[in-house]
């Protein structure tokens, strides 16, 4: 469990996590590659 220093701290970490989830993690629907790599290849 993580204790946050403030709501702003929690929001910043959530925003960072969401960016990684949506841009850097492999997505099975596009062949197991991160969306960022797919965009770079286009």
N, C-alpha and C. Protein backbone atom coordinates (compact mmCIF):
# COMPACT_ATOMS: atom_id res chain seq x y z
N UNK A 1 0.84 -1.18 0.00
CA UNK A 1 0.00 0.00 0.00
C UNK A 1 0.88 1.24 0.00
N UNK A 2 0.47 2.23 -0.76
CA UNK A 2 1.26 3.45 -0.87
C UNK A 2 0.53 4.60 -0.18
N UNK A 3 1.23 5.32 0.66
CA UNK A 3 0.67 6.51 1.30
C UNK A 3 1.18 7.72 0.52
N UNK A 4 0.26 8.52 0.03
CA UNK A 4 0.63 9.69 -0.75
C UNK A 4 0.79 10.90 0.16
N UNK A 5 1.70 11.78 -0.24
CA UNK A 5 1.95 13.01 0.52
C UNK A 5 0.81 14.00 0.36
N UNK A 6 0.16 13.98 -0.80
CA UNK A 6 -0.92 14.92 -1.09
C UNK A 6 -1.75 14.38 -2.25
N UNK A 7 -2.87 15.01 -2.49
CA UNK A 7 -3.70 14.63 -3.63
C UNK A 7 -2.94 14.89 -4.93
N UNK A 8 -2.21 15.98 -4.97
CA UNK A 8 -1.42 16.29 -6.18
C UNK A 8 -0.41 15.19 -6.47
N UNK A 9 0.24 14.68 -5.43
CA UNK A 9 1.20 13.59 -5.58
C UNK A 9 0.51 12.35 -6.15
N UNK A 10 -0.67 12.02 -5.62
CA UNK A 10 -1.42 10.86 -6.11
C UNK A 10 -1.83 11.07 -7.57
N UNK A 11 -2.27 12.27 -7.92
CA UNK A 11 -2.67 12.56 -9.29
C UNK A 11 -1.48 12.45 -10.24
N UNK A 12 -0.33 12.95 -9.83
CA UNK A 12 0.87 12.87 -10.68
C UNK A 12 1.27 11.43 -10.94
N UNK A 13 1.26 10.60 -9.90
CA UNK A 13 1.62 9.19 -10.09
C UNK A 13 0.60 8.47 -10.96
N UNK A 14 -0.67 8.78 -10.78
CA UNK A 14 -1.71 8.16 -11.61
C UNK A 14 -1.56 8.57 -13.07
N UNK A 15 -1.24 9.82 -13.31
CA UNK A 15 -1.03 10.30 -14.68
C UNK A 15 0.16 9.61 -15.32
N UNK A 16 1.25 9.46 -14.57
CA UNK A 16 2.43 8.76 -15.09
C UNK A 16 2.11 7.31 -15.40
N UNK A 17 1.39 6.64 -14.51
CA UNK A 17 1.03 5.24 -14.72
C UNK A 17 0.16 5.11 -15.97
N UNK A 18 -0.81 6.00 -16.13
CA UNK A 18 -1.72 5.93 -17.27
C UNK A 18 -0.96 6.14 -18.58
N UNK A 19 0.03 7.03 -18.59
CA UNK A 19 0.81 7.27 -19.80
C UNK A 19 1.59 6.00 -20.18
N UNK A 20 2.24 5.40 -19.20
CA UNK A 20 2.99 4.16 -19.46
C UNK A 20 2.05 3.07 -19.95
N UNK A 21 0.91 2.92 -19.30
CA UNK A 21 -0.07 1.89 -19.67
C UNK A 21 -0.54 2.07 -21.11
N UNK A 22 -0.79 3.30 -21.50
CA UNK A 22 -1.34 3.57 -22.83
C UNK A 22 -0.29 3.70 -23.93
N UNK A 23 0.98 3.92 -23.59
CA UNK A 23 1.99 4.20 -24.60
C UNK A 23 3.17 3.23 -24.64
N UNK A 24 3.56 2.68 -23.51
CA UNK A 24 4.78 1.89 -23.46
C UNK A 24 4.57 0.39 -23.28
N UNK A 25 3.47 -0.01 -22.69
CA UNK A 25 3.28 -1.45 -22.44
C UNK A 25 2.85 -2.15 -23.72
N UNK A 26 3.24 -3.38 -23.90
CA UNK A 26 2.83 -4.14 -25.09
C UNK A 26 1.31 -4.37 -25.10
N UNK A 27 0.70 -4.17 -26.25
CA UNK A 27 -0.74 -4.39 -26.41
C UNK A 27 -0.96 -5.60 -27.30
N UNK A 28 -1.72 -6.55 -26.82
CA UNK A 28 -1.96 -7.78 -27.59
C UNK A 28 -2.76 -7.50 -28.86
N UNK A 29 -3.58 -6.47 -28.86
CA UNK A 29 -4.42 -6.19 -30.03
C UNK A 29 -3.63 -5.66 -31.22
N UNK A 30 -2.39 -5.23 -30.99
CA UNK A 30 -1.56 -4.74 -32.11
C UNK A 30 -0.26 -5.54 -32.21
N UNK A 31 -0.37 -6.82 -31.94
CA UNK A 31 0.76 -7.71 -32.13
C UNK A 31 1.78 -7.74 -31.01
N UNK A 32 1.41 -7.29 -29.83
CA UNK A 32 2.31 -7.36 -28.69
C UNK A 32 3.38 -6.29 -28.65
N UNK A 33 3.18 -5.22 -29.41
CA UNK A 33 4.15 -4.12 -29.38
C UNK A 33 3.52 -2.91 -28.70
N UNK A 34 4.34 -2.05 -28.14
CA UNK A 34 3.80 -0.83 -27.53
C UNK A 34 3.27 0.12 -28.61
N UNK A 35 2.18 0.83 -28.33
CA UNK A 35 1.63 1.75 -29.31
C UNK A 35 2.64 2.80 -29.79
N UNK A 36 3.53 3.23 -28.93
CA UNK A 36 4.53 4.23 -29.30
C UNK A 36 5.41 3.70 -30.44
N UNK A 37 5.79 2.42 -30.36
CA UNK A 37 6.62 1.81 -31.42
C UNK A 37 5.84 1.71 -32.72
N UNK A 38 4.56 1.40 -32.64
CA UNK A 38 3.73 1.33 -33.83
C UNK A 38 3.65 2.69 -34.51
N UNK A 39 3.45 3.74 -33.74
CA UNK A 39 3.39 5.08 -34.31
C UNK A 39 4.71 5.49 -34.95
N UNK A 40 5.82 5.11 -34.33
CA UNK A 40 7.13 5.43 -34.88
C UNK A 40 7.37 4.72 -36.21
N UNK A 41 6.77 3.54 -36.37
CA UNK A 41 6.98 2.75 -37.58
C UNK A 41 6.14 3.25 -38.76
N UNK A 42 5.14 4.03 -38.47
CA UNK A 42 4.25 4.51 -39.54
C UNK A 42 4.89 5.65 -40.30
